[in-house]
Amino acid sequence: MSHVAAAATSTNFGNVAGKRLGLKKYAGESVKSGNIIVKQNGSVFHPGKNTYMSKTYSIHAKTDGVVQFRRMTGFKRGQFYIDVVESE
């Protein structure tokens, strides 16, 4: 009998499908209400005007319009916000 426990193999790690996170709509693109703009883990981007965040941290459009990104200054310095502005 062996005096030392056998080590586990690490051959079964890997080959995992990606989570398909990231930007789905870019600045200047038109969106309809309910469209996903960003899929993310955690609140990297925050919802701004005419957008909302779901419980999986995805940001959706509330209304039809055009996507805009902005970066806050001052107290909330460095935070990214996503807005949907009505197209003209």
N, C-alpha and C. Protein backbone atom coordinates (compact mmCIF):
# COMPACT_ATOMS: atom_id res chain seq x y z
N MET A 1 0.83 -1.18 0.00
CA MET A 1 0.00 0.00 0.00
C MET A 1 0.87 1.24 0.00
N SER A 2 0.35 2.28 -0.63
CA SER A 2 1.10 3.52 -0.72
C SER A 2 0.98 4.33 0.57
N HIS A 3 2.05 5.04 0.89
CA HIS A 3 2.03 5.89 2.08
C HIS A 3 1.57 7.31 1.76
N VAL A 4 1.51 7.68 0.47
CA VAL A 4 1.16 9.04 0.06
C VAL A 4 -0.09 8.96 -0.82
N ALA A 5 -1.02 9.88 -0.58
CA ALA A 5 -2.25 9.93 -1.38
C ALA A 5 -1.91 10.36 -2.80
N ALA A 6 -2.62 9.81 -3.74
CA ALA A 6 -2.38 10.14 -5.15
C ALA A 6 -2.87 11.55 -5.46
N ALA A 7 -2.16 12.23 -6.32
CA ALA A 7 -2.54 13.59 -6.70
C ALA A 7 -3.65 13.54 -7.73
N ALA A 8 -4.50 14.54 -7.71
CA ALA A 8 -5.59 14.63 -8.68
C ALA A 8 -5.05 15.08 -10.03
N THR A 9 -5.67 14.65 -11.08
CA THR A 9 -5.26 15.08 -12.41
C THR A 9 -6.02 16.33 -12.79
N SER A 10 -5.41 17.14 -13.62
CA SER A 10 -6.05 18.38 -14.04
C SER A 10 -6.37 18.35 -15.53
N THR A 11 -6.71 17.20 -16.06
CA THR A 11 -6.98 17.09 -17.49
C THR A 11 -8.40 17.51 -17.83
N ASN A 12 -9.31 17.54 -16.88
CA ASN A 12 -10.70 17.85 -17.19
C ASN A 12 -11.02 19.33 -17.10
N PHE A 13 -10.04 20.17 -16.78
CA PHE A 13 -10.29 21.60 -16.72
C PHE A 13 -10.10 22.20 -18.10
N GLY A 14 -10.91 23.19 -18.41
CA GLY A 14 -10.82 23.84 -19.72
C GLY A 14 -11.97 23.42 -20.60
N ASN A 15 -11.92 23.84 -21.83
CA ASN A 15 -12.98 23.58 -22.80
C ASN A 15 -14.34 24.02 -22.28
N VAL A 16 -14.40 25.23 -21.72
CA VAL A 16 -15.64 25.78 -21.20
C VAL A 16 -16.10 26.88 -22.16
N ALA A 17 -17.37 26.86 -22.49
CA ALA A 17 -17.91 27.86 -23.41
C ALA A 17 -17.86 29.25 -22.78
N GLY A 18 -17.63 30.27 -23.62
CA GLY A 18 -17.59 31.64 -23.14
C GLY A 18 -18.97 32.11 -22.71
N LYS A 19 -19.01 33.17 -21.91
CA LYS A 19 -20.29 33.67 -21.38
C LYS A 19 -20.94 34.72 -22.27
N ARG A 20 -20.29 35.09 -23.35
CA ARG A 20 -20.83 36.06 -24.32
C ARG A 20 -21.14 37.40 -23.67
N LEU A 21 -20.21 37.88 -22.82
CA LEU A 21 -20.38 39.16 -22.17
C LEU A 21 -19.84 40.27 -23.06
N GLY A 22 -20.19 41.50 -22.73
CA GLY A 22 -19.62 42.64 -23.43
C GLY A 22 -20.68 43.53 -24.04
N LEU A 23 -20.23 44.49 -24.84
CA LEU A 23 -21.13 45.44 -25.49
C LEU A 23 -21.86 44.77 -26.63
N LYS A 24 -23.16 44.97 -26.67
CA LYS A 24 -23.98 44.45 -27.76
C LYS A 24 -24.38 45.56 -28.73
N LYS A 25 -24.48 46.79 -28.22
CA LYS A 25 -24.78 47.96 -29.04
C LYS A 25 -23.74 49.03 -28.72
N TYR A 26 -23.25 49.72 -29.75
CA TYR A 26 -22.20 50.71 -29.58
C TYR A 26 -22.77 52.12 -29.65
N ALA A 27 -21.96 53.11 -29.33
CA ALA A 27 -22.40 54.51 -29.34
C ALA A 27 -22.83 54.90 -30.75
N GLY A 28 -23.98 55.56 -30.85
CA GLY A 28 -24.50 55.98 -32.15
C GLY A 28 -25.43 54.98 -32.79
N GLU A 29 -25.51 53.77 -32.27
CA GLU A 29 -26.42 52.77 -32.83
C GLU A 29 -27.83 52.99 -32.31
N SER A 30 -28.81 52.73 -33.16
CA SER A 30 -30.19 52.87 -32.74
C SER A 30 -30.66 51.59 -32.05
N VAL A 31 -31.48 51.75 -31.02
CA VAL A 31 -32.01 50.62 -30.26
C VAL A 31 -33.51 50.77 -30.11
N LYS A 32 -34.17 49.64 -29.92
CA LYS A 32 -35.59 49.64 -29.59
C LYS A 32 -35.73 49.35 -28.11
N SER A 33 -36.89 49.64 -27.55
CA SER A 33 -37.08 49.41 -26.12
C SER A 33 -36.96 47.92 -25.81
N GLY A 34 -36.23 47.60 -24.76
CA GLY A 34 -36.01 46.22 -24.37
C GLY A 34 -34.73 45.61 -24.91
N ASN A 35 -34.09 46.27 -25.86
CA ASN A 35 -32.84 45.74 -26.41
C ASN A 35 -31.74 45.74 -25.35
N ILE A 36 -30.90 44.70 -25.38
CA ILE A 36 -29.76 44.63 -24.48
C ILE A 36 -28.63 45.48 -25.06
N ILE A 37 -28.08 46.36 -24.23
CA ILE A 37 -26.96 47.19 -24.67
C ILE A 37 -25.65 46.60 -24.19
N VAL A 38 -25.60 46.12 -22.93
CA VAL A 38 -24.38 45.54 -22.36
C VAL A 38 -24.76 44.33 -21.52
N LYS A 39 -24.00 43.25 -21.65
CA LYS A 39 -24.08 42.12 -20.72
C LYS A 39 -22.78 42.12 -19.94
N GLN A 40 -22.88 42.07 -18.60
CA GLN A 40 -21.70 42.23 -17.78
C GLN A 40 -21.86 41.48 -16.46
N ASN A 41 -20.75 41.22 -15.80
CA ASN A 41 -20.73 40.68 -14.45
C ASN A 41 -20.37 41.82 -13.52
N GLY A 42 -21.28 42.20 -12.63
CA GLY A 42 -21.05 43.35 -11.78
C GLY A 42 -21.41 44.62 -12.52
N SER A 43 -21.40 45.74 -11.81
CA SER A 43 -21.84 47.00 -12.41
C SER A 43 -20.64 47.81 -12.89
N VAL A 44 -20.05 47.40 -13.99
CA VAL A 44 -18.98 48.15 -14.62
C VAL A 44 -19.58 49.40 -15.28
N PHE A 45 -20.64 49.20 -16.05
CA PHE A 45 -21.41 50.28 -16.64
C PHE A 45 -22.68 50.45 -15.81
N HIS A 46 -23.12 51.70 -15.65
CA HIS A 46 -24.31 52.00 -14.86
C HIS A 46 -25.42 52.50 -15.77
N PRO A 47 -26.68 52.24 -15.42
CA PRO A 47 -27.78 52.73 -16.26
C PRO A 47 -27.95 54.23 -16.11
N GLY A 48 -28.15 54.91 -17.22
CA GLY A 48 -28.36 56.35 -17.23
C GLY A 48 -29.78 56.66 -17.65
N LYS A 49 -29.93 57.66 -18.51
CA LYS A 49 -31.25 58.09 -18.96
C LYS A 49 -31.86 57.05 -19.90
N ASN A 50 -33.11 56.70 -19.66
CA ASN A 50 -33.89 55.77 -20.49
C ASN A 50 -33.28 54.38 -20.57
N THR A 51 -32.56 53.96 -19.53
CA THR A 51 -32.02 52.60 -19.45
C THR A 51 -32.29 52.04 -18.06
N TYR A 52 -32.22 50.72 -17.95
CA TYR A 52 -32.38 50.07 -16.65
C TYR A 52 -31.48 48.85 -16.58
N MET A 53 -31.17 48.42 -15.35
CA MET A 53 -30.29 47.27 -15.13
C MET A 53 -31.13 46.10 -14.63
N SER A 54 -30.94 44.93 -15.24
CA SER A 54 -31.64 43.73 -14.81
C SER A 54 -30.87 43.08 -13.66
N LYS A 55 -31.41 42.01 -13.12
CA LYS A 55 -30.76 41.38 -11.97
C LYS A 55 -29.49 40.63 -12.35
N THR A 56 -29.25 40.41 -13.64
CA THR A 56 -27.98 39.82 -14.09
C THR A 56 -26.99 40.91 -14.51
N TYR A 57 -27.27 42.16 -14.13
CA TYR A 57 -26.42 43.33 -14.42
C TYR A 57 -26.41 43.72 -15.90
N SER A 58 -27.29 43.15 -16.71
CA SER A 58 -27.40 43.57 -18.10
C SER A 58 -28.12 44.91 -18.15
N ILE A 59 -27.71 45.78 -19.06
CA ILE A 59 -28.35 47.09 -19.21
C ILE A 59 -29.21 47.05 -20.46
N HIS A 60 -30.48 47.43 -20.28
CA HIS A 60 -31.47 47.40 -21.36
C HIS A 60 -31.96 48.81 -21.66
N ALA A 61 -32.50 49.00 -22.86
CA ALA A 61 -33.08 50.28 -23.25
C ALA A 61 -34.54 50.32 -22.83
N LYS A 62 -34.96 51.44 -22.23
CA LYS A 62 -36.37 51.63 -21.87
C LYS A 62 -37.20 52.14 -23.04
N THR A 63 -36.59 52.97 -23.87
CA THR A 63 -37.30 53.58 -24.99
C THR A 63 -36.48 53.40 -26.26
N ASP A 64 -37.11 53.70 -27.39
CA ASP A 64 -36.40 53.71 -28.67
C ASP A 64 -35.50 54.94 -28.73
N GLY A 65 -34.34 54.79 -29.35
CA GLY A 65 -33.44 55.93 -29.48
C GLY A 65 -32.06 55.52 -29.91
N VAL A 66 -31.07 56.35 -29.56
CA VAL A 66 -29.68 56.16 -29.96
C VAL A 66 -28.84 56.03 -28.69
N VAL A 67 -27.88 55.11 -28.69
CA VAL A 67 -27.04 54.84 -27.52
C VAL A 67 -25.96 55.91 -27.39
N GLN A 68 -25.75 56.39 -26.16
CA GLN A 68 -24.66 57.31 -25.86
C GLN A 68 -23.97 56.85 -24.59
N PHE A 69 -22.65 57.02 -24.53
CA PHE A 69 -21.87 56.69 -23.34
C PHE A 69 -21.34 57.98 -22.74
N ARG A 70 -21.26 58.04 -21.41
CA ARG A 70 -20.67 59.20 -20.75
C ARG A 70 -19.91 58.75 -19.52
N ARG A 71 -18.90 59.53 -19.15
CA ARG A 71 -18.08 59.23 -17.99
C ARG A 71 -18.25 60.36 -16.99
N MET A 72 -18.58 60.01 -15.75
CA MET A 72 -18.88 61.01 -14.74
C MET A 72 -17.61 61.68 -14.23
N THR A 73 -17.77 62.94 -13.82
CA THR A 73 -16.69 63.69 -13.17
C THR A 73 -17.19 64.12 -11.80
N GLY A 74 -16.29 64.54 -10.95
CA GLY A 74 -16.69 65.00 -9.62
C GLY A 74 -16.81 63.86 -8.64
N PHE A 75 -17.93 63.81 -7.92
CA PHE A 75 -18.12 62.83 -6.85
C PHE A 75 -18.08 61.39 -7.37
N LYS A 76 -18.73 61.13 -8.48
CA LYS A 76 -18.76 59.78 -9.05
C LYS A 76 -17.73 59.66 -10.17
N ARG A 77 -16.56 60.20 -9.95
CA ARG A 77 -15.53 60.28 -10.97
C ARG A 77 -15.14 58.91 -11.49
N GLY A 78 -15.12 58.77 -12.80
CA GLY A 78 -14.65 57.54 -13.41
C GLY A 78 -15.74 56.53 -13.71
N GLN A 79 -16.97 56.75 -13.24
CA GLN A 79 -18.04 55.78 -13.51
C GLN A 79 -18.58 56.01 -14.91
N PHE A 80 -18.85 54.91 -15.60
CA PHE A 80 -19.40 54.97 -16.95
C PHE A 80 -20.91 54.80 -16.89
N TYR A 81 -21.61 55.68 -17.59
CA TYR A 81 -23.07 55.61 -17.68
C TYR A 81 -23.48 55.45 -19.13
N ILE A 82 -24.58 54.76 -19.34
CA ILE A 82 -25.11 54.53 -20.68
C ILE A 82 -26.48 55.17 -20.77
N ASP A 83 -26.69 56.00 -21.78
CA ASP A 83 -27.96 56.68 -21.99
C ASP A 83 -28.54 56.26 -23.33
N VAL A 84 -29.87 56.36 -23.42
CA VAL A 84 -30.54 56.22 -24.70
C VAL A 84 -31.26 57.54 -24.96
N VAL A 85 -30.84 58.25 -25.99
CA VAL A 85 -31.39 59.55 -26.33
C VAL A 85 -32.32 59.38 -27.54
N GLU A 86 -33.45 60.04 -27.50
CA GLU A 86 -34.39 59.93 -28.60
C GLU A 86 -33.76 60.48 -29.87
N SER A 87 -33.90 59.75 -30.96
CA SER A 87 -33.32 60.18 -32.23
C SER A 87 -34.20 61.28 -32.83
N GLU A 88 -33.55 62.17 -33.57
CA GLU A 88 -34.27 63.31 -34.13
C GLU A 88 -34.73 63.05 -35.53
